[in-house]
Amino acid sequence: MAYKKKYSPEEKAVYKEQKQSEIDEMLKRIDEGVKAVFNSDQYKEYLKFASNFTNYSPHNTMLISLQRPSATLVASYGKWRKVGRQVMKGEKGIAIFAPIIYDSDKCPKVKKGTDDEDTEKTKIAEEQFKRIAFKKVYVYDISQTDGKDIPCFESSELTGDIDFKKKNAIFKALERITGIRIEFSDIRGGAKGYYDTAENRIVIQSGMSDSQTLKTAFHETAHKLLHDPKLKMVTVKSPRNEKEVQAESVAFMVAERLGFDTSEYSFPYIASWSNGKPLEQLKCALKEIQAAAKQITGAIETELAKIQGTVA
């Protein structure tokens, strides 16, 4: 039987204080990173980086970018081993947050009513007493490992003229997540597209190239996901010029992820947009932008995978 050392209350307190100090330092780095992104020309580069990490929280994405800007695909030591790759000797891990969810044993009893009422009240009570903590864990970029090749999504094919099946799959994904049938029309005034909040419509200028049509569709879909008046999101209340930056940010991340040429994207007003805003508001905007990009790319990649024969 292995010997397990018992720690004194003083030793436990020191250990807890050390761990909290590490968490505080990571949070400080995140805040500094967010400020740097919004107050310089780094915004576009950050979105490009974040397009590879839509499955990670904005906090963890920022931590990864600060520690290893060249990262493209990260996973834990154990996950790399499961897919047949090994972290190379001497490689330093990338510190990120991992949530620990636990429930209090002091959840109050709920007075019984109907079945529906019991279920709802119990759910509310459990949510109120649920606690979330975070700990520091390490992940590694694929460049820090060797072993079996990892299958990659064939996004590089989405350039130039795109075949009908792929275009249809992309529009199917966009219409599924928005619940809107995308329309095509000759739009007066030079606009490439628009999202009508009052009528809940997305309209795209007809006759444009495949690439421009899809990028515009990403932009207008982002408006729906971020700016629908029915949503309770910080981005809904943004001024019009900020909403355009937010939608364009999402479109850029989706286009970058899918292999489109994104060189023409520009964010010249990002510094003025962020000027004077509380840090938490900026972090929240990044969170919602990244969440929208994740929703769009996830839906598109699922539909494209179906026609590529990798999903049943």
C-alpha atoms as a PDB file:
ATOM      1  CA  MET A   1       0.000   0.000   0.000  1.00  0.00           C
ATOM      2  CA  ALA A   2       1.461   3.340  -1.031  1.00  0.00           C
ATOM      3  CA  TYR A   3       2.240   5.838   1.727  1.00  0.00           C
ATOM      4  CA  LYS A   4       0.211   9.017   1.517  1.00  0.00           C
ATOM      5  CA  LYS A   5       1.668  12.029   3.274  1.00  0.00           C
ATOM      6  CA  LYS A   6      -0.638  13.948   5.581  1.00  0.00           C
ATOM      7  CA  TYR A   7      -0.389  17.706   5.371  1.00  0.00           C
ATOM      8  CA  SER A   8      -0.867  20.052   8.299  1.00  0.00           C
ATOM      9  CA  PRO A   9      -3.507  22.813   8.124  1.00  0.00           C
ATOM     10  CA  GLU A  10      -0.675  25.316   7.716  1.00  0.00           C
ATOM     11  CA  GLU A  11       0.813  23.399   4.774  1.00  0.00           C
ATOM     12  CA  LYS A  12      -2.614  23.123   3.174  1.00  0.00           C
ATOM     13  CA  ALA A  13      -3.144  26.866   3.558  1.00  0.00           C
ATOM     14  CA  VAL A  14       0.227  27.628   1.946  1.00  0.00           C
ATOM     15  CA  TYR A  15      -0.545  25.259  -0.938  1.00  0.00           C
ATOM     16  CA  LYS A  16      -3.995  26.814  -1.471  1.00  0.00           C
ATOM     17  CA  GLU A  17      -2.506  30.324  -1.423  1.00  0.00           C
ATOM     18  CA  GLN A  18       0.142  29.312  -3.965  1.00  0.00           C
ATOM     19  CA  LYS A  19      -2.442  27.855  -6.325  1.00  0.00           C
ATOM     20  CA  GLN A  20      -4.660  30.933  -6.019  1.00  0.00           C
ATOM     21  CA  SER A  21      -1.648  33.133  -6.767  1.00  0.00           C
ATOM     22  CA  GLU A  22      -1.036  31.139  -9.975  1.00  0.00           C
ATOM     23  CA  ILE A  23      -4.675  31.579 -11.017  1.00  0.00           C
ATOM     24  CA  ASP A  24      -4.536  35.318 -10.276  1.00  0.00           C
ATOM     25  CA  GLU A  25      -1.383  35.683 -12.375  1.00  0.00           C
ATOM     26  CA  MET A  26      -3.040  33.882 -15.306  1.00  0.00           C
ATOM     27  CA  LEU A  27      -6.091  36.149 -15.055  1.00  0.00           C
ATOM     28  CA  LYS A  28      -3.819  39.208 -14.991  1.00  0.00           C
ATOM     29  CA  ARG A  29      -2.098  38.022 -18.172  1.00  0.00           C
ATOM     30  CA  ILE A  30      -5.485  37.570 -19.846  1.00  0.00           C
ATOM     31  CA  ASP A  31      -6.535  41.135 -18.951  1.00  0.00           C
ATOM     32  CA  GLU A  32      -3.257  42.539 -20.271  1.00  0.00           C
ATOM     33  CA  GLY A  33      -3.637  40.471 -23.446  1.00  0.00           C
ATOM     34  CA  VAL A  34      -7.169  41.740 -24.080  1.00  0.00           C
ATOM     35  CA  LYS A  35      -6.068  45.358 -23.604  1.00  0.00           C
ATOM     36  CA  ALA A  36      -3.184  44.853 -26.033  1.00  0.00           C
ATOM     37  CA  VAL A  37      -5.445  43.303 -28.675  1.00  0.00           C
ATOM     38  CA  PHE A  38      -7.953  46.157 -28.612  1.00  0.00           C
ATOM     39  CA  ASN A  39      -5.421  48.966 -28.443  1.00  0.00           C
ATOM     40  CA  SER A  40      -3.152  48.044 -31.315  1.00  0.00           C
ATOM     41  CA  ASP A  41      -3.056  46.442 -34.747  1.00  0.00           C
ATOM     42  CA  GLN A  42      -3.080  42.990 -33.141  1.00  0.00           C
ATOM     43  CA  TYR A  43      -6.853  42.563 -33.396  1.00  0.00           C
ATOM     44  CA  LYS A  44      -6.863  40.948 -36.832  1.00  0.00           C
ATOM     45  CA  GLU A  45      -3.964  38.668 -35.919  1.00  0.00           C
ATOM     46  CA  TYR A  46      -5.742  37.606 -32.744  1.00  0.00           C
ATOM     47  CA  LEU A  47      -8.929  36.746 -34.669  1.00  0.00           C
ATOM     48  CA  LYS A  48      -6.837  34.741 -37.138  1.00  0.00           C
ATOM     49  CA  PHE A  49      -5.272  32.830 -34.247  1.00  0.00           C
ATOM     50  CA  ALA A  50      -8.605  32.370 -32.453  1.00  0.00           C
ATOM     51  CA  SER A  51     -10.216  30.914 -35.596  1.00  0.00           C
ATOM     52  CA  ASN A  52      -8.234  27.729 -34.858  1.00  0.00           C
ATOM     53  CA  PHE A  53      -9.483  27.548 -31.285  1.00  0.00           C
ATOM     54  CA  THR A  54     -13.231  28.108 -31.362  1.00  0.00           C
ATOM     55  CA  ASN A  55     -13.731  25.105 -29.064  1.00  0.00           C
ATOM     56  CA  TYR A  56     -11.791  26.867 -26.321  1.00  0.00           C
ATOM     57  CA  SER A  57     -13.034  29.680 -24.130  1.00  0.00           C
ATOM     58  CA  PRO A  58     -11.773  33.197 -24.954  1.00  0.00           C
ATOM     59  CA  HIS A  59      -9.776  33.106 -21.702  1.00  0.00           C
ATOM     60  CA  ASN A  60      -7.972  29.927 -22.724  1.00  0.00           C
ATOM     61  CA  THR A  61      -7.574  31.104 -26.308  1.00  0.00           C
ATOM     62  CA  MET A  62      -5.851  34.235 -25.033  1.00  0.00           C
ATOM     63  CA  LEU A  63      -3.599  32.185 -22.736  1.00  0.00           C
ATOM     64  CA  ILE A  64      -2.607  29.885 -25.606  1.00  0.00           C
ATOM     65  CA  SER A  65      -1.862  32.821 -27.901  1.00  0.00           C
ATOM     66  CA  LEU A  66       0.276  34.550 -25.259  1.00  0.00           C
ATOM     67  CA  GLN A  67       2.339  31.451 -24.501  1.00  0.00           C
ATOM     68  CA  ARG A  68       2.615  29.894 -27.970  1.00  0.00           C
ATOM     69  CA  PRO A  69       1.556  32.244 -30.811  1.00  0.00           C
ATOM     70  CA  SER A  70       2.443  29.615 -33.415  1.00  0.00           C
ATOM     71  CA  ALA A  71       0.027  27.012 -31.997  1.00  0.00           C
ATOM     72  CA  THR A  72      -2.501  25.495 -34.399  1.00  0.00           C
ATOM     73  CA  LEU A  73      -3.928  22.449 -32.597  1.00  0.00           C
ATOM     74  CA  VAL A  74      -3.620  21.751 -28.882  1.00  0.00           C
ATOM     75  CA  ALA A  75      -4.638  18.903 -26.603  1.00  0.00           C
ATOM     76  CA  SER A  76      -3.722  17.443 -23.235  1.00  0.00           C
ATOM     77  CA  TYR A  77      -0.905  14.942 -22.816  1.00  0.00           C
ATOM     78  CA  GLY A  78      -3.417  12.141 -22.409  1.00  0.00           C
ATOM     79  CA  LYS A  79      -5.458  13.060 -25.468  1.00  0.00           C
ATOM     80  CA  TRP A  80      -2.365  13.139 -27.667  1.00  0.00           C
ATOM     81  CA  ARG A  81      -1.492   9.617 -26.497  1.00  0.00           C
ATOM     82  CA  LYS A  82      -5.019   8.410 -27.291  1.00  0.00           C
ATOM     83  CA  VAL A  83      -4.659   9.502 -30.930  1.00  0.00           C
ATOM     84  CA  GLY A  84      -1.233   7.918 -31.271  1.00  0.00           C
ATOM     85  CA  ARG A  85       1.016  10.912 -30.696  1.00  0.00           C
ATOM     86  CA  GLN A  86       3.564  11.507 -27.943  1.00  0.00           C
ATOM     87  CA  VAL A  87       4.684  14.803 -26.432  1.00  0.00           C
ATOM     88  CA  MET A  88       8.379  15.115 -27.194  1.00  0.00           C
ATOM     89  CA  LYS A  89      10.888  15.129 -24.359  1.00  0.00           C
ATOM     90  CA  GLY A  90      11.657  18.552 -22.933  1.00  0.00           C
ATOM     91  CA  GLU A  91       8.567  20.292 -24.323  1.00  0.00           C
ATOM     92  CA  LYS A  92       6.980  22.880 -22.014  1.00  0.00           C
ATOM     93  CA  GLY A  93       3.230  22.709 -21.538  1.00  0.00           C
ATOM     94  CA  ILE A  94       0.816  25.569 -22.254  1.00  0.00           C
ATOM     95  CA  ALA A  95      -1.029  26.516 -19.063  1.00  0.00           C
ATOM     96  CA  ILE A  96      -4.798  26.978 -19.385  1.00  0.00           C
ATOM     97  CA  PHE A  97      -7.852  26.807 -17.117  1.00  0.00           C
ATOM     98  CA  ALA A  98      -9.909  23.649 -16.592  1.00  0.00           C
ATOM     99  CA  PRO A  99     -13.274  23.891 -14.793  1.00  0.00           C
ATOM    100  CA  ILE A 100     -14.118  21.855 -11.723  1.00  0.00           C
ATOM    101  CA  ILE A 101     -17.868  21.632 -11.154  1.00  0.00           C
ATOM    102  CA  TYR A 102     -19.224  20.443  -7.843  1.00  0.00           C
ATOM    103  CA  ASP A 103     -22.532  20.626  -5.978  1.00  0.00           C
ATOM    104  CA  SER A 104     -23.124  21.741  -2.436  1.00  0.00           C
ATOM    105  CA  ASP A 105     -24.534  19.106  -0.083  1.00  0.00           C
ATOM    106  CA  LYS A 106     -26.650  21.842   1.484  1.00  0.00           C
ATOM    107  CA  CYS A 107     -29.167  22.070  -1.348  1.00  0.00           C
ATOM    108  CA  PRO A 108     -32.537  22.852   0.315  1.00  0.00           C
ATOM    109  CA  LYS A 109     -35.478  20.547   0.020  1.00  0.00           C
ATOM    110  CA  VAL A 110     -38.141  21.627  -2.449  1.00  0.00           C
ATOM    111  CA  LYS A 111     -41.809  21.447  -1.563  1.00  0.00           C
ATOM    112  CA  LYS A 112     -43.569  19.011  -3.864  1.00  0.00           C
ATOM    113  CA  GLY A 113     -46.214  20.121  -6.319  1.00  0.00           C
ATOM    114  CA  THR A 114     -46.992  18.800  -9.780  1.00  0.00           C
ATOM    115  CA  ASP A 115     -44.373  16.750 -11.626  1.00  0.00           C
ATOM    116  CA  ASP A 116     -43.534  19.682 -13.880  1.00  0.00           C
ATOM    117  CA  GLU A 117     -43.281  22.057 -10.934  1.00  0.00           C
ATOM    118  CA  ASP A 118     -41.047  19.634  -9.012  1.00  0.00           C
ATOM    119  CA  THR A 119     -38.713  19.272 -11.959  1.00  0.00           C
ATOM    120  CA  GLU A 120     -38.418  23.011 -12.539  1.00  0.00           C
ATOM    121  CA  LYS A 121     -38.007  23.931  -8.863  1.00  0.00           C
ATOM    122  CA  THR A 122     -35.445  21.200  -8.288  1.00  0.00           C
ATOM    123  CA  LYS A 123     -33.522  22.362 -11.325  1.00  0.00           C
ATOM    124  CA  ILE A 124     -33.490  25.969 -10.075  1.00  0.00           C
ATOM    125  CA  ALA A 125     -32.407  24.906  -6.583  1.00  0.00           C
ATOM    126  CA  GLU A 126     -29.607  22.721  -7.950  1.00  0.00           C
ATOM    127  CA  GLU A 127     -28.358  25.507 -10.195  1.00  0.00           C
ATOM    128  CA  GLN A 128     -28.299  27.931  -7.286  1.00  0.00           C
ATOM    129  CA  PHE A 129     -26.105  25.628  -5.241  1.00  0.00           C
ATOM    130  CA  LYS A 130     -23.820  24.516  -8.038  1.00  0.00           C
ATOM    131  CA  ARG A 131     -20.258  25.786  -7.701  1.00  0.00           C
ATOM    132  CA  ILE A 132     -17.586  26.150 -10.367  1.00  0.00           C
ATOM    133  CA  ALA A 133     -13.877  26.412  -9.631  1.00  0.00           C
ATOM    134  CA  PHE A 134     -10.885  26.409 -11.952  1.00  0.00           C
ATOM    135  CA  LYS A 135      -7.491  24.772 -11.847  1.00  0.00           C
ATOM    136  CA  LYS A 136      -4.375  25.135 -13.972  1.00  0.00           C
ATOM    137  CA  VAL A 137      -3.753  22.329 -16.465  1.00  0.00           C
ATOM    138  CA  TYR A 138      -1.382  21.946 -19.378  1.00  0.00           C
ATOM    139  CA  VAL A 139      -1.943  21.322 -23.074  1.00  0.00           C
ATOM    140  CA  TYR A 140       0.544  20.876 -25.910  1.00  0.00           C
ATOM    141  CA  ASP A 141       0.547  22.008 -29.516  1.00  0.00           C
ATOM    142  CA  ILE A 142       0.767  19.406 -32.259  1.00  0.00           C
ATOM    143  CA  SER A 143       4.223  20.786 -33.139  1.00  0.00           C
ATOM    144  CA  GLN A 144       5.368  19.597 -29.699  1.00  0.00           C
ATOM    145  CA  THR A 145       4.390  16.011 -30.478  1.00  0.00           C
ATOM    146  CA  ASP A 146       5.271  13.286 -32.934  1.00  0.00           C
ATOM    147  CA  GLY A 147       3.533  10.099 -34.019  1.00  0.00           C
ATOM    148  CA  LYS A 148       0.530   9.266 -36.191  1.00  0.00           C
ATOM    149  CA  ASP A 149      -0.757  11.813 -38.697  1.00  0.00           C
ATOM    150  CA  ILE A 150      -3.933  13.605 -37.659  1.00  0.00           C
ATOM    151  CA  PRO A 151      -6.775  13.736 -40.230  1.00  0.00           C
ATOM    152  CA  CYS A 152      -7.556  17.357 -41.040  1.00  0.00           C
ATOM    153  CA  PHE A 153     -10.662  19.056 -42.350  1.00  0.00           C
ATOM    154  CA  GLU A 154     -10.347  19.837 -46.074  1.00  0.00           C
ATOM    155  CA  SER A 155     -10.994  23.554 -45.786  1.00  0.00           C
ATOM    156  CA  SER A 156      -8.305  24.495 -48.301  1.00  0.00           C
ATOM    157  CA  GLU A 157     -10.635  23.490 -51.133  1.00  0.00           C
ATOM    158  CA  LEU A 158     -13.010  26.367 -50.358  1.00  0.00           C
ATOM    159  CA  THR A 159     -11.324  28.883 -52.653  1.00  0.00           C
ATOM    160  CA  GLY A 160     -12.273  30.333 -56.047  1.00  0.00           C
ATOM    161  CA  ASP A 161     -15.407  28.829 -57.570  1.00  0.00           C
ATOM    162  CA  ILE A 162     -17.017  26.444 -55.110  1.00  0.00           C
ATOM    163  CA  ASP A 163     -19.005  23.495 -56.389  1.00  0.00           C
ATOM    164  CA  PHE A 164     -22.759  23.362 -55.921  1.00  0.00           C
ATOM    165  CA  LYS A 165     -22.750  20.626 -53.268  1.00  0.00           C
ATOM    166  CA  LYS A 166     -20.420  22.562 -50.981  1.00  0.00           C
ATOM    167  CA  LYS A 167     -22.254  25.853 -51.444  1.00  0.00           C
ATOM    168  CA  ASN A 168     -25.542  24.112 -50.759  1.00  0.00           C
ATOM    169  CA  ALA A 169     -24.087  22.480 -47.631  1.00  0.00           C
ATOM    170  CA  ILE A 170     -22.823  25.837 -46.324  1.00  0.00           C
ATOM    171  CA  PHE A 171     -26.142  27.594 -46.878  1.00  0.00           C
ATOM    172  CA  LYS A 172     -27.960  24.658 -45.319  1.00  0.00           C
ATOM    173  CA  ALA A 173     -25.807  25.076 -42.201  1.00  0.00           C
ATOM    174  CA  LEU A 174     -26.387  28.843 -42.035  1.00  0.00           C
ATOM    175  CA  GLU A 175     -30.118  28.469 -42.469  1.00  0.00           C
ATOM    176  CA  ARG A 176     -30.259  25.770 -39.808  1.00  0.00           C
ATOM    177  CA  ILE A 177     -28.578  27.852 -37.099  1.00  0.00           C
ATOM    178  CA  THR A 178     -30.469  31.061 -37.937  1.00  0.00           C
ATOM    179  CA  GLY A 179     -33.837  29.545 -38.737  1.00  0.00           C
ATOM    180  CA  ILE A 180     -33.961  31.882 -41.770  1.00  0.00           C
ATOM    181  CA  ARG A 181     -34.200  31.011 -45.453  1.00  0.00           C
ATOM    182  CA  ILE A 182     -31.485  33.177 -47.041  1.00  0.00           C
ATOM    183  CA  GLU A 183     -32.778  35.222 -49.978  1.00  0.00           C
ATOM    184  CA  PHE A 184     -30.978  36.621 -53.036  1.00  0.00           C
ATOM    185  CA  SER A 185     -31.946  39.910 -54.620  1.00  0.00           C
ATOM    186  CA  ASP A 186     -30.666  42.929 -56.531  1.00  0.00           C
ATOM    187  CA  ILE A 187     -30.036  45.251 -53.589  1.00  0.00           C
ATOM    188  CA  ARG A 188     -30.108  48.961 -54.324  1.00  0.00           C
ATOM    189  CA  GLY A 189     -27.486  51.275 -52.832  1.00  0.00           C
ATOM    190  CA  GLY A 190     -24.451  49.039 -53.229  1.00  0.00           C
ATOM    191  CA  ALA A 191     -24.910  46.887 -50.130  1.00  0.00           C
ATOM    192  CA  LYS A 192     -23.715  43.293 -50.428  1.00  0.00           C
ATOM    193  CA  GLY A 193     -26.326  42.043 -48.006  1.00  0.00           C
ATOM    194  CA  TYR A 194     -28.385  42.861 -44.943  1.00  0.00           C
ATOM    195  CA  TYR A 195     -30.133  41.352 -41.934  1.00  0.00           C
ATOM    196  CA  ASP A 196     -33.583  42.837 -41.325  1.00  0.00           C
ATOM    197  CA  THR A 197     -34.309  42.542 -37.590  1.00  0.00           C
ATOM    198  CA  ALA A 198     -37.933  43.652 -37.923  1.00  0.00           C
ATOM    199  CA  GLU A 199     -38.807  41.066 -40.593  1.00  0.00           C
ATOM    200  CA  ASN A 200     -36.180  38.514 -39.526  1.00  0.00           C
ATOM    201  CA  ARG A 201     -34.747  38.259 -43.052  1.00  0.00           C
ATOM    202  CA  ILE A 202     -31.256  37.780 -44.486  1.00  0.00           C
ATOM    203  CA  VAL A 203     -30.849  39.042 -48.035  1.00  0.00           C
ATOM    204  CA  ILE A 204     -27.687  38.677 -50.156  1.00  0.00           C
ATOM    205  CA  GLN A 205     -26.826  40.602 -53.330  1.00  0.00           C
ATOM    206  CA  SER A 206     -27.211  38.320 -56.323  1.00  0.00           C
ATOM    207  CA  GLY A 207     -24.546  37.947 -58.994  1.00  0.00           C
ATOM    208  CA  MET A 208     -21.471  38.132 -56.748  1.00  0.00           C
ATOM    209  CA  SER A 209     -18.586  35.632 -56.785  1.00  0.00           C
ATOM    210  CA  ASP A 210     -18.926  32.484 -54.696  1.00  0.00           C
ATOM    211  CA  SER A 211     -16.321  33.705 -52.235  1.00  0.00           C
ATOM    212  CA  GLN A 212     -17.920  37.134 -51.763  1.00  0.00           C
ATOM    213  CA  THR A 213     -21.394  35.631 -51.520  1.00  0.00           C
ATOM    214  CA  LEU A 214     -20.371  33.265 -48.754  1.00  0.00           C
ATOM    215  CA  LYS A 215     -18.378  35.859 -46.818  1.00  0.00           C
ATOM    216  CA  THR A 216     -21.383  38.167 -46.938  1.00  0.00           C
ATOM    217  CA  ALA A 217     -23.596  35.318 -45.763  1.00  0.00           C
ATOM    218  CA  PHE A 218     -21.237  34.748 -42.806  1.00  0.00           C
ATOM    219  CA  HIS A 219     -21.431  38.468 -41.957  1.00  0.00           C
ATOM    220  CA  GLU A 220     -25.228  38.633 -42.043  1.00  0.00           C
ATOM    221  CA  THR A 221     -25.537  35.364 -40.133  1.00  0.00           C
ATOM    222  CA  ALA A 222     -23.316  36.895 -37.456  1.00  0.00           C
ATOM    223  CA  HIS A 223     -25.694  39.859 -37.225  1.00  0.00           C
ATOM    224  CA  LYS A 224     -28.539  37.429 -36.570  1.00  0.00           C
ATOM    225  CA  LEU A 225     -26.607  35.553 -33.873  1.00  0.00           C
ATOM    226  CA  LEU A 226     -25.234  38.664 -32.165  1.00  0.00           C
ATOM    227  CA  HIS A 227     -27.832  41.362 -32.728  1.00  0.00           C
ATOM    228  CA  ASP A 228     -31.274  39.779 -32.778  1.00  0.00           C
ATOM    229  CA  PRO A 229     -33.287  42.044 -30.424  1.00  0.00           C
ATOM    230  CA  LYS A 230     -34.760  38.961 -28.740  1.00  0.00           C
ATOM    231  CA  LEU A 231     -31.323  37.919 -27.471  1.00  0.00           C
ATOM    232  CA  LYS A 232     -29.968  38.954 -24.074  1.00  0.00           C
ATOM    233  CA  MET A 233     -26.402  39.641 -25.124  1.00  0.00           C
ATOM    234  CA  VAL A 234     -24.096  42.593 -24.585  1.00  0.00           C
ATOM    235  CA  THR A 235     -23.625  42.935 -28.354  1.00  0.00           C
ATOM    236  CA  VAL A 236     -27.345  43.519 -28.944  1.00  0.00           C
ATOM    237  CA  LYS A 237     -27.123  46.976 -27.348  1.00  0.00           C
ATOM    238  CA  SER A 238     -24.015  48.041 -29.284  1.00  0.00           C
ATOM    239  CA  PRO A 239     -24.103  51.120 -31.559  1.00  0.00           C
ATOM    240  CA  ARG A 240     -24.426  50.376 -35.269  1.00  0.00           C
ATOM    241  CA  ASN A 241     -20.731  50.889 -36.120  1.00  0.00           C
ATOM    242  CA  GLU A 242     -19.727  48.471 -33.348  1.00  0.00           C
ATOM    243  CA  LYS A 243     -22.221  45.892 -34.585  1.00  0.00           C
ATOM    244  CA  GLU A 244     -20.569  46.043 -38.009  1.00  0.00           C
ATOM    245  CA  VAL A 245     -17.144  45.419 -36.484  1.00  0.00           C
ATOM    246  CA  GLN A 246     -18.520  42.520 -34.452  1.00  0.00           C
ATOM    247  CA  ALA A 247     -20.232  40.883 -37.444  1.00  0.00           C
ATOM    248  CA  GLU A 248     -17.146  41.401 -39.608  1.00  0.00           C
ATOM    249  CA  SER A 249     -15.000  39.871 -36.862  1.00  0.00           C
ATOM    250  CA  VAL A 250     -17.134  36.733 -36.860  1.00  0.00           C
ATOM    251  CA  ALA A 251     -17.135  36.566 -40.670  1.00  0.00           C
ATOM    252  CA  PHE A 252     -13.346  36.915 -40.682  1.00  0.00           C
ATOM    253  CA  MET A 253     -12.907  34.050 -38.202  1.00  0.00           C
ATOM    254  CA  VAL A 254     -15.239  31.772 -40.158  1.00  0.00           C
ATOM    255  CA  ALA A 255     -13.612  32.631 -43.502  1.00  0.00           C
ATOM    256  CA  GLU A 256     -10.125  32.125 -42.054  1.00  0.00           C
ATOM    257  CA  ARG A 257     -11.133  28.792 -40.572  1.00  0.00           C
ATOM    258  CA  LEU A 258     -12.568  27.588 -43.881  1.00  0.00           C
ATOM    259  CA  GLY A 259      -9.550  28.636 -45.954  1.00  0.00           C
ATOM    260  CA  PHE A 260     -10.916  31.708 -47.733  1.00  0.00           C
ATOM    261  CA  ASP A 261      -8.640  34.590 -48.673  1.00  0.00           C
ATOM    262  CA  THR A 262      -9.022  37.068 -45.791  1.00  0.00           C
ATOM    263  CA  SER A 263      -6.402  39.611 -46.853  1.00  0.00           C
ATOM    264  CA  GLU A 264      -9.038  42.239 -47.735  1.00  0.00           C
ATOM    265  CA  TYR A 265     -10.543  42.238 -44.240  1.00  0.00           C
ATOM    266  CA  SER A 266      -9.759  45.354 -42.245  1.00  0.00           C
ATOM    267  CA  PHE A 267     -10.620  46.636 -38.765  1.00  0.00           C
ATOM    268  CA  PRO A 268      -9.487  50.269 -38.845  1.00  0.00           C
ATOM    269  CA  TYR A 269     -11.903  51.431 -36.155  1.00  0.00           C
ATOM    270  CA  ILE A 270     -11.158  48.805 -33.514  1.00  0.00           C
ATOM    271  CA  ALA A 271      -9.110  51.169 -31.310  1.00  0.00           C
ATOM    272  CA  SER A 272     -11.820  53.852 -31.294  1.00  0.00           C
ATOM    273  CA  TRP A 273     -14.508  51.197 -30.783  1.00  0.00           C
ATOM    274  CA  SER A 274     -12.796  49.891 -27.644  1.00  0.00           C
ATOM    275  CA  ASN A 275     -11.650  53.252 -26.305  1.00  0.00           C
ATOM    276  CA  GLY A 276     -13.039  53.973 -22.842  1.00  0.00           C
ATOM    277  CA  LYS A 277     -14.981  50.728 -22.526  1.00  0.00           C
ATOM    278  CA  PRO A 278     -14.661  48.666 -19.320  1.00  0.00           C
ATOM    279  CA  LEU A 279     -12.379  45.659 -19.644  1.00  0.00           C
ATOM    280  CA  GLU A 280     -15.171  43.240 -18.744  1.00  0.00           C
ATOM    281  CA  GLN A 281     -17.317  44.600 -21.582  1.00  0.00           C
ATOM    282  CA  LEU A 282     -14.503  44.038 -24.067  1.00  0.00           C
ATOM    283  CA  LYS A 283     -13.918  40.521 -22.778  1.00  0.00           C
ATOM    284  CA  CYS A 284     -17.645  39.798 -23.027  1.00  0.00           C
ATOM    285  CA  ALA A 285     -17.740  41.055 -26.629  1.00  0.00           C
ATOM    286  CA  LEU A 286     -14.815  38.777 -27.529  1.00  0.00           C
ATOM    287  CA  LYS A 287     -16.628  35.892 -25.853  1.00  0.00           C
ATOM    288  CA  GLU A 288     -19.793  36.429 -27.877  1.00  0.00           C
ATOM    289  CA  ILE A 289     -17.866  36.959 -31.122  1.00  0.00           C
ATOM    290  CA  GLN A 290     -15.966  33.716 -30.589  1.00  0.00           C
ATOM    291  CA  ALA A 291     -19.135  31.839 -29.620  1.00  0.00           C
ATOM    292  CA  ALA A 292     -20.879  32.964 -32.822  1.00  0.00           C
ATOM    293  CA  ALA A 293     -17.863  31.951 -34.916  1.00  0.00           C
ATOM    294  CA  LYS A 294     -17.844  28.557 -33.199  1.00  0.00           C
ATOM    295  CA  GLN A 295     -21.553  28.033 -33.904  1.00  0.00           C
ATOM    296  CA  ILE A 296     -21.174  28.927 -37.583  1.00  0.00           C
ATOM    297  CA  THR A 297     -17.971  26.968 -38.268  1.00  0.00           C
ATOM    298  CA  GLY A 298     -19.237  23.958 -36.351  1.00  0.00           C
ATOM    299  CA  ALA A 299     -22.454  23.803 -38.359  1.00  0.00           C
ATOM    300  CA  ILE A 300     -20.650  24.311 -41.681  1.00  0.00           C
ATOM    301  CA  GLU A 301     -17.958  21.723 -40.985  1.00  0.00           C
ATOM    302  CA  THR A 302     -20.620  19.190 -40.001  1.00  0.00           C
ATOM    303  CA  GLU A 303     -22.497  19.687 -43.289  1.00  0.00           C
ATOM    304  CA  LEU A 304     -19.298  19.612 -45.363  1.00  0.00           C
ATOM    305  CA  ALA A 305     -18.155  16.471 -43.591  1.00  0.00           C
ATOM    306  CA  LYS A 306     -21.402  14.777 -44.614  1.00  0.00           C
ATOM    307  CA  ILE A 307     -20.762  15.331 -48.317  1.00  0.00           C
ATOM    308  CA  GLN A 308     -17.120  14.338 -47.886  1.00  0.00           C
ATOM    309  CA  GLY A 309     -18.324  11.042 -46.482  1.00  0.00           C
ATOM    310  CA  THR A 310     -16.744  11.426 -43.023  1.00  0.00           C
ATOM    311  CA  VAL A 311     -20.011  11.748 -41.138  1.00  0.00           C
ATOM    312  CA  ALA A 312     -22.903   9.311 -41.399  1.00  0.00           C
END
